[in-house]
PDB file of N, CA and C in Angstrom:
ATOM      1  N   MET A   1    -128.278 -15.741  63.394  1.00  0.00           N
ATOM      2  CA  MET A   1    -128.152 -14.372  63.729  1.00  0.00           C
ATOM      3  C   MET A   1    -129.430 -13.684  64.092  1.00  0.00           C
ATOM      4  N   LEU A   2    -130.553 -14.037  63.303  1.00  0.00           N
ATOM      5  CA  LEU A   2    -131.794 -13.518  63.607  1.00  0.00           C
ATOM      6  C   LEU A   2    -132.348 -13.990  64.992  1.00  0.00           C
ATOM      7  N   LYS A   3    -132.077 -15.226  65.251  1.00  0.00           N
ATOM      8  CA  LYS A   3    -132.510 -15.760  66.530  1.00  0.00           C
ATOM      9  C   LYS A   3    -131.787 -15.007  67.754  1.00  0.00           C
ATOM     10  N   LEU A   4    -130.556 -14.636  67.547  1.00  0.00           N
ATOM     11  CA  LEU A   4    -129.811 -13.975  68.590  1.00  0.00           C
ATOM     12  C   LEU A   4    -130.416 -12.584  68.737  1.00  0.00           C
ATOM     13  N   ILE A   5    -130.733 -11.870  67.709  1.00  0.00           N
ATOM     14  CA  ILE A   5    -131.339 -10.528  67.852  1.00  0.00           C
ATOM     15  C   ILE A   5    -132.742 -10.620  68.422  1.00  0.00           C
ATOM     16  N   THR A   6    -133.501 -11.679  68.089  1.00  0.00           N
ATOM     17  CA  THR A   6    -134.832 -11.794  68.670  1.00  0.00           C
ATOM     18  C   THR A   6    -134.758 -12.097  70.149  1.00  0.00           C
ATOM     19  N   MET A   7    -133.847 -12.949  70.564  1.00  0.00           N
ATOM     20  CA  MET A   7    -133.669 -13.259  71.965  1.00  0.00           C
ATOM     21  C   MET A   7    -133.208 -12.051  72.773  1.00  0.00           C
ATOM     22  N   ALA A   8    -132.338 -11.182  72.197  1.00  0.00           N
ATOM     23  CA  ALA A   8    -131.889 -10.041  72.878  1.00  0.00           C
ATOM     24  C   ALA A   8    -133.060  -9.042  73.055  1.00  0.00           C
ATOM     25  N   SER A   9    -133.859  -8.832  72.017  1.00  0.00           N
ATOM     26  CA  SER A   9    -134.902  -7.932  72.090  1.00  0.00           C
ATOM     27  C   SER A   9    -135.973  -8.394  73.116  1.00  0.00           C
ATOM     28  N   LEU A  10    -136.249  -9.735  73.178  1.00  0.00           N
ATOM     29  CA  LEU A  10    -137.161 -10.199  74.205  1.00  0.00           C
ATOM     30  C   LEU A  10    -136.635  -9.989  75.604  1.00  0.00           C
ATOM     31  N   ARG A  11    -135.309 -10.194  75.748  1.00  0.00           N
ATOM     32  CA  ARG A  11    -134.743  -9.969  77.086  1.00  0.00           C
ATOM     33  C   ARG A  11    -134.872  -8.421  77.507  1.00  0.00           C
ATOM     34  N   LEU A  12    -134.666  -7.602  76.573  1.00  0.00           N
ATOM     35  CA  LEU A  12    -134.765  -6.187  76.854  1.00  0.00           C
ATOM     36  C   LEU A  12    -136.190  -5.740  77.192  1.00  0.00           C
ATOM     37  N   ARG A  13    -137.170  -6.422  76.541  1.00  0.00           N
ATOM     38  CA  ARG A  13    -138.564  -6.032  76.809  1.00  0.00           C
ATOM     39  C   ARG A  13    -138.940  -6.512  78.178  1.00  0.00           C
ATOM     40  N   ARG A  14    -138.399  -7.631  78.665  1.00  0.00           N
ATOM     41  CA  ARG A  14    -138.747  -8.099  80.007  1.00  0.00           C
ATOM     42  C   ARG A  14    -138.067  -7.401  81.151  1.00  0.00           C
ATOM     43  N   ASP A  15    -136.965  -6.737  80.900  1.00  0.00           N
ATOM     44  CA  ASP A  15    -136.221  -5.982  81.889  1.00  0.00           C
ATOM     45  C   ASP A  15    -136.789  -4.574  82.038  1.00  0.00           C
ATOM     46  N   GLU A  16    -137.465  -4.402  83.159  1.00  0.00           N
ATOM     47  CA  GLU A  16    -138.199  -3.122  83.331  1.00  0.00           C
ATOM     48  C   GLU A  16    -137.499  -2.185  84.344  1.00  0.00           C
ATOM     49  N   LYS A  17    -136.356  -2.579  84.935  1.00  0.00           N
ATOM     50  CA  LYS A  17    -135.698  -1.750  85.874  1.00  0.00           C
ATOM     51  C   LYS A  17    -135.259  -0.385  85.302  1.00  0.00           C
ATOM     52  N   GLY A  18    -134.694  -0.337  84.166  1.00  0.00           N
ATOM     53  CA  GLY A  18    -134.270   0.922  83.502  1.00  0.00           C
ATOM     54  C   GLY A  18    -135.533   1.786  83.125  1.00  0.00           C
ATOM     55  N   VAL A  19    -136.538   1.133  82.759  1.00  0.00           N
ATOM     56  CA  VAL A  19    -137.732   1.857  82.367  1.00  0.00           C
ATOM     57  C   VAL A  19    -138.311   2.591  83.595  1.00  0.00           C
ATOM     58  N   THR A  20    -138.286   1.895  84.698  1.00  0.00           N
ATOM     59  CA  THR A  20    -138.922   2.435  85.926  1.00  0.00           C
ATOM     60  C   THR A  20    -138.103   3.651  86.354  1.00  0.00           C
ATOM     61  N   LEU A  21    -136.766   3.496  86.306  1.00  0.00           N
ATOM     62  CA  LEU A  21    -135.871   4.668  86.690  1.00  0.00           C
ATOM     63  C   LEU A  21    -136.160   5.952  85.851  1.00  0.00           C
ATOM     64  N   VAL A  22    -136.367   5.655  84.553  1.00  0.00           N
ATOM     65  CA  VAL A  22    -136.689   6.733  83.629  1.00  0.00           C
ATOM     66  C   VAL A  22    -137.980   7.391  83.914  1.00  0.00           C
ATOM     67  N   GLU A  23    -138.976   6.590  84.200  1.00  0.00           N
ATOM     68  CA  GLU A  23    -140.323   7.113  84.553  1.00  0.00           C
ATOM     69  C   GLU A  23    -140.258   7.948  85.812  1.00  0.00           C
ATOM     70  N   TYR A  24    -139.517   7.512  86.843  1.00  0.00           N
ATOM     71  CA  TYR A  24    -139.388   8.329  88.063  1.00  0.00           C
ATOM     72  C   TYR A  24    -138.645   9.625  87.748  1.00  0.00           C
ATOM     73  N   GLY A  25    -137.661   9.570  86.931  1.00  0.00           N
ATOM     74  CA  GLY A  25    -136.952  10.832  86.525  1.00  0.00           C
ATOM     75  C   GLY A  25    -137.838  11.787  85.783  1.00  0.00           C
ATOM     76  N   ILE A  26    -138.706  11.295  84.945  1.00  0.00           N
ATOM     77  CA  ILE A  26    -139.631  12.218  84.242  1.00  0.00           C
ATOM     78  C   ILE A  26    -140.632  12.796  85.228  1.00  0.00           C
ATOM     79  N   ALA A  27    -141.134  11.920  86.122  1.00  0.00           N
ATOM     80  CA  ALA A  27    -142.140  12.429  87.117  1.00  0.00           C
ATOM     81  C   ALA A  27    -141.558  13.433  88.061  1.00  0.00           C
ATOM     82  N   ILE A  28    -140.279  13.315  88.425  1.00  0.00           N
ATOM     83  CA  ILE A  28    -139.690  14.240  89.388  1.00  0.00           C
ATOM     84  C   ILE A  28    -139.430  15.563  88.566  1.00  0.00           C
ATOM     85  N   ALA A  29    -138.935  15.447  87.389  1.00  0.00           N
ATOM     86  CA  ALA A  29    -138.718  16.686  86.535  1.00  0.00           C
ATOM     87  C   ALA A  29    -140.010  17.432  86.320  1.00  0.00           C
ATOM     88  N   LEU A  30    -141.066  16.740  86.039  1.00  0.00           N
ATOM     89  CA  LEU A  30    -142.403  17.352  85.853  1.00  0.00           C
ATOM     90  C   LEU A  30    -142.879  18.081  87.120  1.00  0.00           C
ATOM     91  N   ALA A  31    -142.696  17.354  88.243  1.00  0.00           N
ATOM     92  CA  ALA A  31    -143.161  17.976  89.574  1.00  0.00           C
ATOM     93  C   ALA A  31    -142.315  19.263  89.849  1.00  0.00           C
ATOM     94  N   VAL A  32    -141.113  19.164  89.607  1.00  0.00           N
ATOM     95  CA  VAL A  32    -140.256  20.356  89.884  1.00  0.00           C
ATOM     96  C   VAL A  32    -140.594  21.465  88.961  1.00  0.00           C
ATOM     97  N   GLY A  33    -140.811  21.209  87.689  1.00  0.00           N
ATOM     98  CA  GLY A  33    -141.197  22.216  86.699  1.00  0.00           C
ATOM     99  C   GLY A  33    -142.514  22.864  87.084  1.00  0.00           C
ATOM    100  N   LEU A  34    -143.459  22.090  87.441  1.00  0.00           N
ATOM    101  CA  LEU A  34    -144.840  22.608  87.839  1.00  0.00           C
ATOM    102  C   LEU A  34    -144.758  23.364  89.067  1.00  0.00           C
ATOM    103  N   GLY A  35    -143.928  22.873  90.035  1.00  0.00           N
ATOM    104  CA  GLY A  35    -143.906  23.639  91.315  1.00  0.00           C
ATOM    105  C   GLY A  35    -143.204  25.016  91.069  1.00  0.00           C
ATOM    106  N   THR A  36    -142.110  25.024  90.245  1.00  0.00           N
ATOM    107  CA  THR A  36    -141.425  26.245  89.956  1.00  0.00           C
ATOM    108  C   THR A  36    -142.399  27.253  89.222  1.00  0.00           C
ATOM    109  N   ALA A  37    -143.124  26.709  88.314  1.00  0.00           N
ATOM    110  CA  ALA A  37    -144.044  27.643  87.630  1.00  0.00           C
ATOM    111  C   ALA A  37    -145.162  28.176  88.524  1.00  0.00           C
ATOM    112  N   ALA A  38    -145.726  27.358  89.448  1.00  0.00           N
ATOM    113  CA  ALA A  38    -146.641  27.821  90.305  1.00  0.00           C
ATOM    114  C   ALA A  38    -146.149  28.870  91.295  1.00  0.00           C
ATOM    115  N   LEU A  39    -144.926  28.627  91.875  1.00  0.00           N
ATOM    116  CA  LEU A  39    -144.317  29.617  92.764  1.00  0.00           C
ATOM    117  C   LEU A  39    -143.998  30.969  92.099  1.00  0.00           C
ATOM    118  N   THR A  40    -143.484  30.791  90.831  1.00  0.00           N
ATOM    119  CA  THR A  40    -143.262  32.017  90.082  1.00  0.00           C
ATOM    120  C   THR A  40    -144.489  32.772  89.764  1.00  0.00           C
ATOM    121  N   THR A  41    -145.579  32.093  89.440  1.00  0.00           N
ATOM    122  CA  THR A  41    -146.816  32.814  89.177  1.00  0.00           C
ATOM    123  C   THR A  41    -147.436  33.455  90.398  1.00  0.00           C
ATOM    124  N   LEU A  42    -147.332  32.797  91.525  1.00  0.00           N
ATOM    125  CA  LEU A  42    -147.999  33.317  92.716  1.00  0.00           C
ATOM    126  C   LEU A  42    -147.107  34.300  93.508  1.00  0.00           C
ATOM    127  N   SER A  43    -145.848  34.376  93.253  1.00  0.00           N
ATOM    128  CA  SER A  43    -144.925  35.245  93.985  1.00  0.00           C
ATOM    129  C   SER A  43    -145.356  36.697  94.013  1.00  0.00           C
ATOM    130  N   GLY A  44    -145.842  37.218  92.869  1.00  0.00           N
ATOM    131  CA  GLY A  44    -146.239  38.620  92.893  1.00  0.00           C
ATOM    132  C   GLY A  44    -147.509  38.848  93.761  1.00  0.00           C
ATOM    133  N   GLU A  45    -148.419  37.991  93.731  1.00  0.00           N
ATOM    134  CA  GLU A  45    -149.652  38.078  94.521  1.00  0.00           C
ATOM    135  C   GLU A  45    -149.329  37.984  95.977  1.00  0.00           C
ATOM    136  N   ILE A  46    -148.465  37.088  96.403  1.00  0.00           N
ATOM    137  CA  ILE A  46    -148.184  36.806  97.700  1.00  0.00           C
ATOM    138  C   ILE A  46    -147.394  38.039  98.305  1.00  0.00           C
ATOM    139  N   GLY A  47    -146.476  38.554  97.497  1.00  0.00           N
ATOM    140  CA  GLY A  47    -145.737  39.772  97.866  1.00  0.00           C
ATOM    141  C   GLY A  47    -146.678  41.003  98.092  1.00  0.00           C
ATOM    142  N   ALA A  48    -147.623  41.120  97.211  1.00  0.00           N
ATOM    143  CA  ALA A  48    -148.605  42.301  97.309  1.00  0.00           C
ATOM    144  C   ALA A  48    -149.475  42.110  98.594  1.00  0.00           C
ATOM    145  N   ALA A  49    -149.891  40.933  98.890  1.00  0.00           N
ATOM    146  CA  ALA A  49    -150.643  40.607 100.033  1.00  0.00           C
ATOM    147  C   ALA A  49    -150.000  40.903 101.329  1.00  0.00           C
ATOM    148  N   MET A  50    -148.671  40.448 101.357  1.00  0.00           N
ATOM    149  CA  MET A  50    -147.814  40.706 102.594  1.00  0.00           C
ATOM    150  C   MET A  50    -147.587  42.243 102.758  1.00  0.00           C
ATOM    151  N   GLY A  51    -147.330  42.920 101.596  1.00  0.00           N
ATOM    152  CA  GLY A  51    -147.147  44.366 101.704  1.00  0.00           C
ATOM    153  C   GLY A  51    -148.405  45.032 102.201  1.00  0.00           C
ATOM    154  N   ALA A  52    -149.560  44.696 101.717  1.00  0.00           N
ATOM    155  CA  ALA A  52    -150.806  45.288 102.201  1.00  0.00           C
ATOM    156  C   ALA A  52    -151.021  44.986 103.608  1.00  0.00           C
ATOM    157  N   ALA A  53    -150.705  43.771 104.125  1.00  0.00           N
ATOM    158  CA  ALA A  53    -150.849  43.425 105.547  1.00  0.00           C
ATOM    159  C   ALA A  53    -149.940  44.232 106.395  1.00  0.00           C
ATOM    160  N   GLY A  54    -148.680  44.353 105.908  1.00  0.00           N
ATOM    161  CA  GLY A  54    -147.753  45.179 106.657  1.00  0.00           C
ATOM    162  C   GLY A  54    -148.161  46.685 106.827  1.00  0.00           C
ATOM    163  N   THR A  55    -148.683  47.145 105.755  1.00  0.00           N
ATOM    164  CA  THR A  55    -149.119  48.611 105.744  1.00  0.00           C
ATOM    165  C   THR A  55    -150.432  48.761 106.699  1.00  0.00           C
ATOM    166  N   ALA A  56    -151.255  47.799 106.729  1.00  0.00           N
ATOM    167  CA  ALA A  56    -152.411  47.860 107.545  1.00  0.00           C
ATOM    168  C   ALA A  56    -152.171  47.769 109.045  1.00  0.00           C
ATOM    169  N   MET A  57    -151.041  47.277 109.467  1.00  0.00           N
ATOM    170  CA  MET A  57    -150.753  47.035 110.870  1.00  0.00           C
ATOM    171  C   MET A  57    -150.500  48.403 111.518  1.00  0.00           C
ATOM    172  N   PRO A  58    -150.984  48.557 112.717  1.00  0.00           N
ATOM    173  CA  PRO A  58    -150.780  49.820 113.426  1.00  0.00           C
ATOM    174  C   PRO A  58    -149.283  49.802 114.044  1.00  0.00           C
ATOM    175  N   ASN A  59    -148.717  51.001 114.224  1.00  0.00           N
ATOM    176  CA  ASN A  59    -147.380  51.016 114.718  1.00  0.00           C
ATOM    177  C   ASN A  59    -147.357  50.803 116.121  1.00  0.00           C
TER     178      ASN A  59
END
């Protein structure tokens, strides 16, 4: 029984397909989260700059 468990754990350690998929998922989630945070932070400044530019334009 111990040999069966040992062999199964060795097989799982060698199989890296699932691990790679999880790593990609974490990377994508992190990129989306950081992008959202950056856009949320900069949205006020960009809006103010566009408003000032629109006001400065002659009619």
